[in-house]
Amino acid sequence: MSENDDTIDWETRRKRLIHRAHYRGFKEADLILSGFARTYGPELSNEELLMFEDLLSAKDHDIYAWITQALPVPANFDTPLLERLRAFRPSF
C-alpha cells in the first residue's frame, strides 16, 4: 500500500507523515521537518498534508536548501506549506 493510497484514512496518513518527517537521515532536515510535523501535523488540512507528503518525497539536502533559500525551489514544491516551514523555528 503506498503512502498516497486513498484507502488510508487521513489520521493514519498524518501519523505516518510525522514518523517519516522524523527519520530523514540528515540531522538538520530532521530537526526542522520533525519539529514542524509534531507541532503542526495534527492541524494540517488534507491539502496541506498532501503538500507535506509530496515535499517529503524530495531529497533531504534539497528540502533543507529550499527552506534555507540556498537553492531555488521547483514550482511544484513552492507552496504555502514551504513558506510555513521557512518560518518555523524548532525548539531544542
N, C-alpha and C. Protein backbone atom coordinates (compact mmCIF):
# COMPACT_ATOMS: atom_id res chain seq x y z
N MET A 1 0.85 -1.17 0.00
CA MET A 1 0.00 0.00 0.00
C MET A 1 0.89 1.24 0.00
N SER A 2 0.67 2.14 -0.90
CA SER A 2 1.52 3.33 -0.99
C SER A 2 1.05 4.40 -0.02
N GLU A 3 1.95 5.35 0.24
CA GLU A 3 1.64 6.46 1.14
C GLU A 3 0.47 7.29 0.63
N ASN A 4 0.29 7.35 -0.68
CA ASN A 4 -0.75 8.19 -1.25
C ASN A 4 -2.02 7.42 -1.57
N ASP A 5 -2.14 6.20 -1.11
CA ASP A 5 -3.31 5.39 -1.36
C ASP A 5 -4.52 6.03 -0.69
N ASP A 6 -5.56 6.30 -1.47
CA ASP A 6 -6.74 6.97 -0.94
C ASP A 6 -7.53 6.11 0.03
N THR A 7 -7.21 4.82 0.14
CA THR A 7 -7.93 3.97 1.08
C THR A 7 -7.42 4.16 2.51
N ILE A 8 -6.28 4.82 2.67
CA ILE A 8 -5.75 5.07 4.00
C ILE A 8 -6.44 6.31 4.56
N ASP A 9 -6.95 6.21 5.77
CA ASP A 9 -7.64 7.35 6.34
C ASP A 9 -6.63 8.47 6.64
N TRP A 10 -7.15 9.68 6.76
CA TRP A 10 -6.30 10.86 6.94
C TRP A 10 -5.50 10.81 8.23
N GLU A 11 -6.07 10.27 9.28
CA GLU A 11 -5.35 10.21 10.56
C GLU A 11 -4.14 9.27 10.46
N THR A 12 -4.31 8.15 9.79
CA THR A 12 -3.20 7.23 9.58
C THR A 12 -2.12 7.89 8.73
N ARG A 13 -2.53 8.59 7.69
CA ARG A 13 -1.57 9.31 6.84
C ARG A 13 -0.80 10.33 7.66
N ARG A 14 -1.51 11.03 8.52
CA ARG A 14 -0.90 12.06 9.37
C ARG A 14 0.16 11.43 10.28
N LYS A 15 -0.16 10.32 10.90
CA LYS A 15 0.78 9.64 11.80
C LYS A 15 2.01 9.15 11.03
N ARG A 16 1.80 8.59 9.86
CA ARG A 16 2.92 8.13 9.04
C ARG A 16 3.80 9.31 8.61
N LEU A 17 3.16 10.40 8.29
CA LEU A 17 3.90 11.59 7.86
C LEU A 17 4.78 12.13 8.98
N ILE A 18 4.26 12.18 10.18
CA ILE A 18 5.04 12.64 11.33
C ILE A 18 6.24 11.71 11.54
N HIS A 19 6.02 10.42 11.40
CA HIS A 19 7.11 9.46 11.54
C HIS A 19 8.15 9.67 10.44
N ARG A 20 7.71 9.78 9.20
CA ARG A 20 8.63 9.99 8.07
C ARG A 20 9.43 11.28 8.23
N ALA A 21 8.82 12.31 8.76
CA ALA A 21 9.50 13.59 8.93
C ALA A 21 10.61 13.49 9.96
N HIS A 22 10.45 12.60 10.92
CA HIS A 22 11.44 12.48 11.99
C HIS A 22 12.67 11.68 11.57
N TYR A 23 12.52 10.74 10.69
CA TYR A 23 13.61 9.84 10.31
C TYR A 23 14.04 10.09 8.87
N ARG A 24 14.68 11.22 8.65
CA ARG A 24 15.11 11.61 7.31
C ARG A 24 16.53 11.19 7.00
N GLY A 25 17.42 11.17 7.98
CA GLY A 25 18.80 10.80 7.74
C GLY A 25 19.75 11.97 7.62
N PHE A 26 19.24 13.16 7.59
CA PHE A 26 20.04 14.39 7.53
C PHE A 26 19.60 15.22 8.72
N LYS A 27 20.47 15.34 9.72
CA LYS A 27 20.09 15.87 11.02
C LYS A 27 19.39 17.23 10.95
N GLU A 28 19.92 18.15 10.14
CA GLU A 28 19.31 19.48 10.05
C GLU A 28 17.88 19.40 9.52
N ALA A 29 17.69 18.57 8.50
CA ALA A 29 16.34 18.38 7.95
C ALA A 29 15.45 17.69 8.98
N ASP A 30 16.01 16.70 9.70
CA ASP A 30 15.25 16.01 10.76
C ASP A 30 14.69 17.01 11.78
N LEU A 31 15.55 17.90 12.24
CA LEU A 31 15.14 18.86 13.27
C LEU A 31 14.00 19.76 12.80
N ILE A 32 14.13 20.26 11.60
CA ILE A 32 13.09 21.17 11.08
C ILE A 32 11.82 20.40 10.75
N LEU A 33 11.95 19.35 9.95
CA LEU A 33 10.77 18.63 9.48
C LEU A 33 10.04 17.91 10.60
N SER A 34 10.77 17.27 11.49
CA SER A 34 10.09 16.55 12.57
C SER A 34 9.48 17.53 13.57
N GLY A 35 10.18 18.61 13.85
CA GLY A 35 9.61 19.62 14.75
C GLY A 35 8.35 20.23 14.17
N PHE A 36 8.38 20.53 12.89
CA PHE A 36 7.20 21.08 12.21
C PHE A 36 6.06 20.06 12.24
N ALA A 37 6.37 18.81 11.91
CA ALA A 37 5.34 17.76 11.88
C ALA A 37 4.71 17.55 13.24
N ARG A 38 5.52 17.54 14.30
CA ARG A 38 4.97 17.36 15.66
C ARG A 38 4.13 18.56 16.07
N THR A 39 4.59 19.75 15.71
CA THR A 39 3.89 20.98 16.11
C THR A 39 2.62 21.20 15.30
N TYR A 40 2.72 21.08 13.99
CA TYR A 40 1.60 21.44 13.11
C TYR A 40 0.90 20.27 12.45
N GLY A 41 1.50 19.07 12.49
CA GLY A 41 0.90 17.91 11.84
C GLY A 41 -0.55 17.67 12.20
N PRO A 42 -0.90 17.74 13.50
CA PRO A 42 -2.29 17.47 13.87
C PRO A 42 -3.30 18.48 13.31
N GLU A 43 -2.84 19.66 12.94
CA GLU A 43 -3.78 20.68 12.46
C GLU A 43 -3.69 20.93 10.96
N LEU A 44 -2.82 20.21 10.25
CA LEU A 44 -2.72 20.42 8.81
C LEU A 44 -4.02 20.00 8.13
N SER A 45 -4.43 20.79 7.16
CA SER A 45 -5.60 20.41 6.36
C SER A 45 -5.20 19.24 5.47
N ASN A 46 -6.19 18.58 4.88
CA ASN A 46 -5.89 17.46 3.98
C ASN A 46 -5.02 17.94 2.82
N GLU A 47 -5.29 19.13 2.31
CA GLU A 47 -4.50 19.69 1.21
C GLU A 47 -3.04 19.92 1.66
N GLU A 48 -2.86 20.47 2.85
CA GLU A 48 -1.51 20.69 3.37
C GLU A 48 -0.80 19.37 3.64
N LEU A 49 -1.54 18.39 4.10
CA LEU A 49 -0.98 17.07 4.35
C LEU A 49 -0.44 16.48 3.04
N LEU A 50 -1.18 16.64 1.96
CA LEU A 50 -0.71 16.16 0.66
C LEU A 50 0.53 16.92 0.21
N MET A 51 0.57 18.23 0.45
CA MET A 51 1.76 19.03 0.12
C MET A 51 2.97 18.55 0.90
N PHE A 52 2.77 18.24 2.19
CA PHE A 52 3.86 17.79 3.03
C PHE A 52 4.35 16.41 2.58
N GLU A 53 3.41 15.51 2.26
CA GLU A 53 3.78 14.19 1.74
C GLU A 53 4.62 14.34 0.47
N ASP A 54 4.18 15.24 -0.41
CA ASP A 54 4.89 15.47 -1.66
C ASP A 54 6.30 16.01 -1.37
N LEU A 55 6.39 16.96 -0.46
CA LEU A 55 7.68 17.54 -0.11
C LEU A 55 8.62 16.47 0.43
N LEU A 56 8.12 15.59 1.27
CA LEU A 56 8.96 14.55 1.86
C LEU A 56 9.44 13.52 0.85
N SER A 57 8.90 13.56 -0.36
CA SER A 57 9.39 12.66 -1.40
C SER A 57 10.68 13.18 -2.03
N ALA A 58 11.02 14.44 -1.75
CA ALA A 58 12.26 15.04 -2.28
C ALA A 58 13.45 14.65 -1.41
N LYS A 59 14.65 14.91 -1.92
CA LYS A 59 15.88 14.61 -1.19
C LYS A 59 16.05 15.58 -0.02
N ASP A 60 16.56 15.06 1.08
CA ASP A 60 16.73 15.86 2.30
C ASP A 60 17.54 17.12 2.07
N HIS A 61 18.66 16.99 1.37
CA HIS A 61 19.53 18.15 1.16
C HIS A 61 18.83 19.21 0.32
N ASP A 62 18.01 18.78 -0.63
CA ASP A 62 17.25 19.74 -1.43
C ASP A 62 16.21 20.45 -0.57
N ILE A 63 15.48 19.69 0.23
CA ILE A 63 14.47 20.29 1.10
C ILE A 63 15.12 21.33 2.01
N TYR A 64 16.23 20.96 2.62
CA TYR A 64 16.93 21.89 3.52
C TYR A 64 17.38 23.15 2.76
N ALA A 65 17.89 22.96 1.56
CA ALA A 65 18.35 24.11 0.76
C ALA A 65 17.17 25.00 0.36
N TRP A 66 16.02 24.42 0.11
CA TRP A 66 14.84 25.23 -0.22
C TRP A 66 14.36 26.01 1.01
N ILE A 67 14.38 25.35 2.16
CA ILE A 67 13.95 26.02 3.39
C ILE A 67 14.87 27.17 3.72
N THR A 68 16.17 26.95 3.56
CA THR A 68 17.15 28.00 3.89
C THR A 68 17.37 28.97 2.74
N GLN A 69 16.69 28.72 1.63
CA GLN A 69 16.76 29.55 0.43
C GLN A 69 18.15 29.55 -0.21
N ALA A 70 18.88 28.47 -0.02
CA ALA A 70 20.19 28.32 -0.65
C ALA A 70 20.06 27.88 -2.11
N LEU A 71 18.93 27.26 -2.45
CA LEU A 71 18.64 26.84 -3.82
C LEU A 71 17.25 27.34 -4.21
N PRO A 72 17.04 27.60 -5.49
CA PRO A 72 15.68 27.96 -5.93
C PRO A 72 14.75 26.75 -5.77
N VAL A 73 13.52 27.04 -5.48
CA VAL A 73 12.52 25.99 -5.25
C VAL A 73 11.82 25.65 -6.57
N PRO A 74 11.78 24.36 -6.93
CA PRO A 74 10.99 23.98 -8.11
C PRO A 74 9.53 24.36 -7.90
N ALA A 75 8.86 24.72 -8.96
CA ALA A 75 7.48 25.22 -8.87
C ALA A 75 6.55 24.26 -8.13
N ASN A 76 6.72 22.96 -8.32
CA ASN A 76 5.81 22.01 -7.67
C ASN A 76 5.98 21.95 -6.16
N PHE A 77 7.12 22.45 -5.64
CA PHE A 77 7.34 22.46 -4.19
C PHE A 77 7.20 23.86 -3.60
N ASP A 78 7.02 24.86 -4.44
CA ASP A 78 6.89 26.24 -3.97
C ASP A 78 5.45 26.48 -3.54
N THR A 79 5.16 26.06 -2.32
CA THR A 79 3.78 26.07 -1.81
C THR A 79 3.69 26.89 -0.53
N PRO A 80 2.49 27.22 -0.11
CA PRO A 80 2.32 27.88 1.19
C PRO A 80 2.88 27.05 2.35
N LEU A 81 2.86 25.74 2.20
CA LEU A 81 3.41 24.88 3.25
C LEU A 81 4.92 25.10 3.39
N LEU A 82 5.62 25.25 2.28
CA LEU A 82 7.05 25.51 2.34
C LEU A 82 7.31 26.85 3.02
N GLU A 83 6.47 27.83 2.77
CA GLU A 83 6.60 29.12 3.46
C GLU A 83 6.43 28.95 4.97
N ARG A 84 5.50 28.12 5.38
CA ARG A 84 5.32 27.84 6.81
C ARG A 84 6.55 27.16 7.39
N LEU A 85 7.15 26.26 6.63
CA LEU A 85 8.37 25.59 7.08
C LEU A 85 9.51 26.59 7.23
N ARG A 86 9.60 27.52 6.31
CA ARG A 86 10.65 28.54 6.40
C ARG A 86 10.49 29.40 7.65
N ALA A 87 9.27 29.65 8.03
CA ALA A 87 9.01 30.49 9.21
C ALA A 87 9.12 29.71 10.52
N PHE A 88 9.08 28.38 10.45
CA PHE A 88 9.11 27.56 11.65
C PHE A 88 10.49 27.59 12.31
N ARG A 89 10.49 27.72 13.61
CA ARG A 89 11.73 27.68 14.40
C ARG A 89 11.59 26.57 15.43
N PRO A 90 12.32 25.44 15.21
CA PRO A 90 12.20 24.33 16.17
C PRO A 90 12.77 24.71 17.52
N SER A 91 12.18 24.16 18.56
CA SER A 91 12.72 24.37 19.90
C SER A 91 13.61 23.19 20.24
N PHE A 92 14.69 23.46 20.93
CA PHE A 92 15.65 22.41 21.26
C PHE A 92 15.64 22.16 22.74
